[in-house]
Amino acid sequence: MLVNLFENGLKQTAISDLKWMNEPQTWAFDDSNALRVSAPAMGDFFINPSGEEVKSSAPFLYATVQGDFVMTARVSVEMKEQYDSGCLMVMADDQNWAKLCNEFFAAKRSIISVVTKGDSDDCISGEAGTLKPYLRVARAGNCFAFHYSVDAENWNLVRYFGMSCPGELKVGVVAQSPIGNGCEVLFEELTFSRQEQKDIRIAE
């Protein structure tokens, strides 16, 4: 069964109460239950493998989720500066997390993913192909799959990876502007369902 995580805003969800990490000054749900977030200047989640910086300042609206799941959302970004983005993120703790982003990279709307296990990697998967791509995160045990789509029907695999984590995770959306002065991010059609598929590399 699909559940709209944003239905009735922060008043209720089928999983647990939605909570903010780094609540932004400006955010709102519209009449269609879409969420608009103003990312603050320099907001980001990234642990630079060079050791130069650790950033955990971007707004993250999350639910606490137990067990396997699939989460999807349609994400659009007012792209102004390099790395401005809207993301889906899963977090075990501040050293172990991963995000899938619609991001402004090299003057193009791109699909970017970051997997953090003590420090962060950074993977550019190519152009998004649309202003509002659908992003998808799936979990099966300690395995995760990231996909994107232009139509929510035909999905492209971005990453398949493992991450040692507890049964319970923080799962939700992030708005960020790592080197910019802020940007607007819109999250639409955010849905959640329980995962019963063993091979999550194939989005069904």
C-alpha atoms as a PDB file:
ATOM      1  CA  MET A   1       0.000   0.000   0.000  1.00  0.00           C
ATOM      2  CA  LEU A   2       1.281   3.450  -0.926  1.00  0.00           C
ATOM      3  CA  VAL A   3       1.114   6.193   1.684  1.00  0.00           C
ATOM      4  CA  ASN A   4       1.492   9.909   0.982  1.00  0.00           C
ATOM      5  CA  LEU A   5       3.912  11.009   3.690  1.00  0.00           C
ATOM      6  CA  PHE A   6       2.930  14.650   3.320  1.00  0.00           C
ATOM      7  CA  GLU A   7      -0.821  14.165   3.611  1.00  0.00           C
ATOM      8  CA  ASN A   8      -2.126  16.577   6.261  1.00  0.00           C
ATOM      9  CA  GLY A   9       1.292  18.170   6.537  1.00  0.00           C
ATOM     10  CA  LEU A  10       3.003  17.507   9.849  1.00  0.00           C
ATOM     11  CA  LYS A  11      -0.237  16.498  11.572  1.00  0.00           C
ATOM     12  CA  GLN A  12      -0.036  12.776  10.866  1.00  0.00           C
ATOM     13  CA  THR A  13       1.736  10.082   8.893  1.00  0.00           C
ATOM     14  CA  ALA A  14       1.285   6.339   8.704  1.00  0.00           C
ATOM     15  CA  ILE A  15       4.838   5.781   9.958  1.00  0.00           C
ATOM     16  CA  SER A  16       5.596   8.230  12.745  1.00  0.00           C
ATOM     17  CA  ASP A  17       5.586  11.960  13.222  1.00  0.00           C
ATOM     18  CA  LEU A  18       7.623  13.898  10.688  1.00  0.00           C
ATOM     19  CA  LYS A  19      10.412  15.884  12.312  1.00  0.00           C
ATOM     20  CA  TRP A  20      12.910  18.511  11.233  1.00  0.00           C
ATOM     21  CA  MET A  21      16.658  18.344  11.541  1.00  0.00           C
ATOM     22  CA  ASN A  22      17.906  21.894  10.857  1.00  0.00           C
ATOM     23  CA  GLU A  23      14.414  23.354  10.445  1.00  0.00           C
ATOM     24  CA  PRO A  24      14.536  26.152   7.825  1.00  0.00           C
ATOM     25  CA  GLN A  25      13.139  29.614   8.394  1.00  0.00           C
ATOM     26  CA  THR A  26      10.711  29.221   5.499  1.00  0.00           C
ATOM     27  CA  TRP A  27       8.761  26.113   4.533  1.00  0.00           C
ATOM     28  CA  ALA A  28       5.126  25.304   3.780  1.00  0.00           C
ATOM     29  CA  PHE A  29       2.731  22.669   2.488  1.00  0.00           C
ATOM     30  CA  ASP A  30       0.387  23.730  -0.323  1.00  0.00           C
ATOM     31  CA  ASP A  31      -3.181  22.599  -1.022  1.00  0.00           C
ATOM     32  CA  SER A  32      -1.935  19.537  -2.929  1.00  0.00           C
ATOM     33  CA  ASN A  33       0.267  18.464   0.034  1.00  0.00           C
ATOM     34  CA  ALA A  34       3.454  19.370  -1.827  1.00  0.00           C
ATOM     35  CA  LEU A  35       6.242  20.688   0.381  1.00  0.00           C
ATOM     36  CA  ARG A  36       8.178  23.845  -0.509  1.00  0.00           C
ATOM     37  CA  VAL A  37      11.426  24.433   1.372  1.00  0.00           C
ATOM     38  CA  SER A  38      13.792  27.404   1.306  1.00  0.00           C
ATOM     39  CA  ALA A  39      17.285  25.983   1.635  1.00  0.00           C
ATOM     40  CA  PRO A  40      19.570  28.319   3.600  1.00  0.00           C
ATOM     41  CA  ALA A  41      22.852  29.648   2.274  1.00  0.00           C
ATOM     42  CA  MET A  42      25.665  27.091   2.505  1.00  0.00           C
ATOM     43  CA  GLY A  43      23.315  24.349   3.764  1.00  0.00           C
ATOM     44  CA  ASP A  44      24.651  20.863   3.011  1.00  0.00           C
ATOM     45  CA  PHE A  45      25.291  17.319   4.216  1.00  0.00           C
ATOM     46  CA  PHE A  46      28.815  16.245   3.264  1.00  0.00           C
ATOM     47  CA  ILE A  47      31.868  14.782   4.998  1.00  0.00           C
ATOM     48  CA  ASN A  48      34.740  15.698   2.703  1.00  0.00           C
ATOM     49  CA  PRO A  49      37.097  12.709   2.252  1.00  0.00           C
ATOM     50  CA  SER A  50      39.985  15.200   2.214  1.00  0.00           C
ATOM     51  CA  GLY A  51      39.231  15.908   5.865  1.00  0.00           C
ATOM     52  CA  GLU A  52      38.817  19.606   5.159  1.00  0.00           C
ATOM     53  CA  GLU A  53      35.202  19.977   6.263  1.00  0.00           C
ATOM     54  CA  VAL A  54      32.157  18.312   7.741  1.00  0.00           C
ATOM     55  CA  LYS A  55      28.776  19.810   6.873  1.00  0.00           C
ATOM     56  CA  SER A  56      25.437  18.768   8.365  1.00  0.00           C
ATOM     57  CA  SER A  57      23.439  21.979   8.111  1.00  0.00           C
ATOM     58  CA  ALA A  58      20.820  21.422   5.375  1.00  0.00           C
ATOM     59  CA  PRO A  59      17.116  21.167   6.300  1.00  0.00           C
ATOM     60  CA  PHE A  60      16.095  17.491   6.585  1.00  0.00           C
ATOM     61  CA  LEU A  61      12.433  16.568   7.094  1.00  0.00           C
ATOM     62  CA  TYR A  62      12.263  12.920   8.071  1.00  0.00           C
ATOM     63  CA  ALA A  63      10.194  10.080   9.450  1.00  0.00           C
ATOM     64  CA  THR A  64      11.634   7.270  11.529  1.00  0.00           C
ATOM     65  CA  VAL A  65      11.144   4.065   9.544  1.00  0.00           C
ATOM     66  CA  GLN A  66      11.597   0.473  10.682  1.00  0.00           C
ATOM     67  CA  GLY A  67      12.479  -2.240   8.162  1.00  0.00           C
ATOM     68  CA  ASP A  68      12.398  -2.395   4.369  1.00  0.00           C
ATOM     69  CA  PHE A  69      10.644   0.229   2.255  1.00  0.00           C
ATOM     70  CA  VAL A  70      10.404   2.150  -1.013  1.00  0.00           C
ATOM     71  CA  MET A  71      10.150   5.951  -1.049  1.00  0.00           C
ATOM     72  CA  THR A  72       9.596   8.103  -4.143  1.00  0.00           C
ATOM     73  CA  ALA A  73       9.140  11.821  -4.788  1.00  0.00           C
ATOM     74  CA  ARG A  74       9.057  14.285  -7.647  1.00  0.00           C
ATOM     75  CA  VAL A  75      11.688  16.945  -6.985  1.00  0.00           C
ATOM     76  CA  SER A  76      12.170  20.353  -8.590  1.00  0.00           C
ATOM     77  CA  VAL A  77      14.785  22.948  -7.684  1.00  0.00           C
ATOM     78  CA  GLU A  78      15.209  26.669  -8.316  1.00  0.00           C
ATOM     79  CA  MET A  79      18.793  26.207  -9.450  1.00  0.00           C
ATOM     80  CA  LYS A  80      20.984  29.276  -9.038  1.00  0.00           C
ATOM     81  CA  GLU A  81      24.417  28.112  -7.941  1.00  0.00           C
ATOM     82  CA  GLN A  82      26.494  24.975  -8.416  1.00  0.00           C
ATOM     83  CA  TYR A  83      25.252  22.107  -6.189  1.00  0.00           C
ATOM     84  CA  ASP A  84      21.827  23.624  -5.413  1.00  0.00           C
ATOM     85  CA  SER A  85      19.660  20.532  -5.012  1.00  0.00           C
ATOM     86  CA  GLY A  86      16.702  18.664  -3.602  1.00  0.00           C
ATOM     87  CA  CYS A  87      17.325  15.150  -2.292  1.00  0.00           C
ATOM     88  CA  LEU A  88      15.898  12.014  -0.770  1.00  0.00           C
ATOM     89  CA  MET A  89      18.009  10.873   2.171  1.00  0.00           C
ATOM     90  CA  VAL A  90      18.371   7.892   4.506  1.00  0.00           C
ATOM     91  CA  MET A  91      20.356   8.292   7.733  1.00  0.00           C
ATOM     92  CA  ALA A  92      21.495   5.757  10.314  1.00  0.00           C
ATOM     93  CA  ASP A  93      23.601   8.333  12.190  1.00  0.00           C
ATOM     94  CA  ASP A  94      25.763  11.369  11.428  1.00  0.00           C
ATOM     95  CA  GLN A  95      28.539   9.145  10.029  1.00  0.00           C
ATOM     96  CA  ASN A  96      26.376   6.770   7.985  1.00  0.00           C
ATOM     97  CA  TRP A  97      23.858   8.132   5.517  1.00  0.00           C
ATOM     98  CA  ALA A  98      23.119   8.427   1.794  1.00  0.00           C
ATOM     99  CA  LYS A  99      21.248  10.846  -0.460  1.00  0.00           C
ATOM    100  CA  LEU A 100      19.954  10.941  -4.042  1.00  0.00           C
ATOM    101  CA  CYS A 101      19.661  14.413  -5.558  1.00  0.00           C
ATOM    102  CA  ASN A 102      18.321  16.485  -8.430  1.00  0.00           C
ATOM    103  CA  GLU A 103      21.273  18.866  -8.494  1.00  0.00           C
ATOM    104  CA  PHE A 104      22.684  21.789 -10.461  1.00  0.00           C
ATOM    105  CA  PHE A 105      26.079  20.541 -11.622  1.00  0.00           C
ATOM    106  CA  ALA A 106      28.245  21.966 -14.422  1.00  0.00           C
ATOM    107  CA  ALA A 107      25.320  24.212 -15.468  1.00  0.00           C
ATOM    108  CA  LYS A 108      23.023  21.194 -15.959  1.00  0.00           C
ATOM    109  CA  ARG A 109      20.219  19.535 -14.004  1.00  0.00           C
ATOM    110  CA  SER A 110      21.901  16.328 -12.943  1.00  0.00           C
ATOM    111  CA  ILE A 111      21.297  13.185 -10.927  1.00  0.00           C
ATOM    112  CA  ILE A 112      23.833  13.021  -8.116  1.00  0.00           C
ATOM    113  CA  SER A 113      24.252  10.523  -5.287  1.00  0.00           C
ATOM    114  CA  VAL A 114      26.347  10.568  -2.134  1.00  0.00           C
ATOM    115  CA  VAL A 115      27.027   7.582   0.123  1.00  0.00           C
ATOM    116  CA  THR A 116      28.668   8.331   3.458  1.00  0.00           C
ATOM    117  CA  LYS A 117      30.401   5.741   5.628  1.00  0.00           C
ATOM    118  CA  GLY A 118      32.640   7.847   7.819  1.00  0.00           C
ATOM    119  CA  ASP A 119      33.379  10.098   4.841  1.00  0.00           C
ATOM    120  CA  SER A 120      31.374  10.925   1.720  1.00  0.00           C
ATOM    121  CA  ASP A 121      31.779   9.954  -1.904  1.00  0.00           C
ATOM    122  CA  ASP A 122      30.194  11.941  -4.752  1.00  0.00           C
ATOM    123  CA  CYS A 123      28.797  10.246  -7.872  1.00  0.00           C
ATOM    124  CA  ILE A 124      27.504  12.112 -10.952  1.00  0.00           C
ATOM    125  CA  SER A 125      25.166   9.909 -12.996  1.00  0.00           C
ATOM    126  CA  GLY A 126      24.302  12.303 -15.822  1.00  0.00           C
ATOM    127  CA  GLU A 127      21.612  14.774 -16.794  1.00  0.00           C
ATOM    128  CA  ALA A 128      18.168  14.511 -15.224  1.00  0.00           C
ATOM    129  CA  GLY A 129      16.378  14.821 -18.576  1.00  0.00           C
ATOM    130  CA  THR A 130      13.497  16.849 -17.121  1.00  0.00           C
ATOM    131  CA  LEU A 131      12.806  19.795 -14.816  1.00  0.00           C
ATOM    132  CA  LYS A 132      11.068  17.553 -12.278  1.00  0.00           C
ATOM    133  CA  PRO A 133      12.583  14.073 -12.123  1.00  0.00           C
ATOM    134  CA  TYR A 134      11.168  11.380  -9.880  1.00  0.00           C
ATOM    135  CA  LEU A 135      13.627  10.026  -7.327  1.00  0.00           C
ATOM    136  CA  ARG A 136      13.330   6.606  -5.672  1.00  0.00           C
ATOM    137  CA  VAL A 137      15.045   5.011  -2.674  1.00  0.00           C
ATOM    138  CA  ALA A 138      14.564   1.344  -1.745  1.00  0.00           C
ATOM    139  CA  ARG A 139      15.869  -0.655   1.207  1.00  0.00           C
ATOM    140  CA  ALA A 140      16.172  -4.429   1.633  1.00  0.00           C
ATOM    141  CA  GLY A 141      18.064  -5.250   4.824  1.00  0.00           C
ATOM    142  CA  ASN A 142      21.444  -3.524   4.624  1.00  0.00           C
ATOM    143  CA  CYS A 143      21.157  -3.052   0.838  1.00  0.00           C
ATOM    144  CA  PHE A 144      19.897   0.125  -0.807  1.00  0.00           C
ATOM    145  CA  ALA A 145      19.035   1.117  -4.381  1.00  0.00           C
ATOM    146  CA  PHE A 146      18.707   4.605  -5.864  1.00  0.00           C
ATOM    147  CA  HIS A 147      16.694   5.150  -9.079  1.00  0.00           C
ATOM    148  CA  TYR A 148      15.401   8.125 -11.064  1.00  0.00           C
ATOM    149  CA  SER A 149      12.726   8.510 -13.749  1.00  0.00           C
ATOM    150  CA  VAL A 150      11.191  11.177 -15.964  1.00  0.00           C
ATOM    151  CA  ASP A 151       7.705   9.611 -15.793  1.00  0.00           C
ATOM    152  CA  ALA A 152       7.571   7.421 -12.633  1.00  0.00           C
ATOM    153  CA  GLU A 153       7.185   4.347 -14.864  1.00  0.00           C
ATOM    154  CA  ASN A 154      10.574   3.693 -16.452  1.00  0.00           C
ATOM    155  CA  TRP A 155      13.291   3.773 -13.802  1.00  0.00           C
ATOM    156  CA  ASN A 156      17.063   4.100 -14.215  1.00  0.00           C
ATOM    157  CA  LEU A 157      19.357   2.556 -11.597  1.00  0.00           C
ATOM    158  CA  VAL A 158      21.768   5.107 -10.109  1.00  0.00           C
ATOM    159  CA  ARG A 159      23.386   3.222  -7.227  1.00  0.00           C
ATOM    160  CA  TYR A 160      23.154  -0.173  -5.532  1.00  0.00           C
ATOM    161  CA  PHE A 161      25.145  -0.265  -2.321  1.00  0.00           C
ATOM    162  CA  GLY A 162      25.401  -1.689   1.162  1.00  0.00           C
ATOM    163  CA  MET A 163      25.412   0.223   4.421  1.00  0.00           C
ATOM    164  CA  SER A 164      25.604  -1.340   7.852  1.00  0.00           C
ATOM    165  CA  CYS A 165      22.728   0.160   9.786  1.00  0.00           C
ATOM    166  CA  PRO A 166      20.130  -0.569  12.446  1.00  0.00           C
ATOM    167  CA  GLY A 167      16.608  -1.648  11.620  1.00  0.00           C
ATOM    168  CA  GLU A 168      15.360   1.885  12.225  1.00  0.00           C
ATOM    169  CA  LEU A 169      16.411   4.783   9.975  1.00  0.00           C
ATOM    170  CA  LYS A 170      15.638   8.434   9.432  1.00  0.00           C
ATOM    171  CA  VAL A 171      14.104   8.691   5.954  1.00  0.00           C
ATOM    172  CA  GLY A 172      13.009  11.889   4.207  1.00  0.00           C
ATOM    173  CA  VAL A 173      13.850  14.933   2.095  1.00  0.00           C
ATOM    174  CA  VAL A 174      16.682  17.476   2.059  1.00  0.00           C
ATOM    175  CA  ALA A 175      16.963  20.953   0.507  1.00  0.00           C
ATOM    176  CA  GLN A 176      20.491  22.292   0.102  1.00  0.00           C
ATOM    177  CA  SER A 177      22.620  25.077  -1.339  1.00  0.00           C
ATOM    178  CA  PRO A 178      26.200  24.083  -0.414  1.00  0.00           C
ATOM    179  CA  ILE A 179      28.071  27.076  -1.873  1.00  0.00           C
ATOM    180  CA  GLY A 180      25.159  29.345  -2.778  1.00  0.00           C
ATOM    181  CA  ASN A 181      22.926  31.879  -1.073  1.00  0.00           C
ATOM    182  CA  GLY A 182      19.966  29.525  -0.835  1.00  0.00           C
ATOM    183  CA  CYS A 183      17.356  28.100  -3.195  1.00  0.00           C
ATOM    184  CA  GLU A 184      13.734  26.942  -3.314  1.00  0.00           C
ATOM    185  CA  VAL A 185      12.987  23.219  -3.524  1.00  0.00           C
ATOM    186  CA  LEU A 186       9.588  21.634  -4.187  1.00  0.00           C
ATOM    187  CA  PHE A 187       8.797  18.044  -3.192  1.00  0.00           C
ATOM    188  CA  GLU A 188       5.658  16.571  -4.758  1.00  0.00           C
ATOM    189  CA  GLU A 189       4.011  13.144  -4.711  1.00  0.00           C
ATOM    190  CA  LEU A 190       6.144  11.829  -1.868  1.00  0.00           C
ATOM    191  CA  THR A 191       5.022   8.250  -1.305  1.00  0.00           C
ATOM    192  CA  PHE A 192       6.098   5.377   0.908  1.00  0.00           C
ATOM    193  CA  SER A 193       5.424   1.651   0.701  1.00  0.00           C
ATOM    194  CA  ARG A 194       6.709  -1.473   2.393  1.00  0.00           C
ATOM    195  CA  GLN A 195       9.353  -3.343   0.394  1.00  0.00           C
ATOM    196  CA  GLU A 196       8.698  -6.977  -0.474  1.00  0.00           C
ATOM    197  CA  GLN A 197      10.958  -7.222  -3.525  1.00  0.00           C
ATOM    198  CA  LYS A 198      14.230  -9.111  -2.974  1.00  0.00           C
ATOM    199  CA  ASP A 199      16.190  -7.634  -5.900  1.00  0.00           C
ATOM    200  CA  ILE A 200      15.786  -3.899  -5.348  1.00  0.00           C
ATOM    201  CA  ARG A 201      18.070  -3.114  -8.296  1.00  0.00           C
ATOM    202  CA  ILE A 202      14.948  -3.568 -10.434  1.00  0.00           C
ATOM    203  CA  ALA A 203      12.311  -0.890  -9.755  1.00  0.00           C
ATOM    204  CA  GLU A 204       8.800  -2.288 -10.101  1.00  0.00           C
END
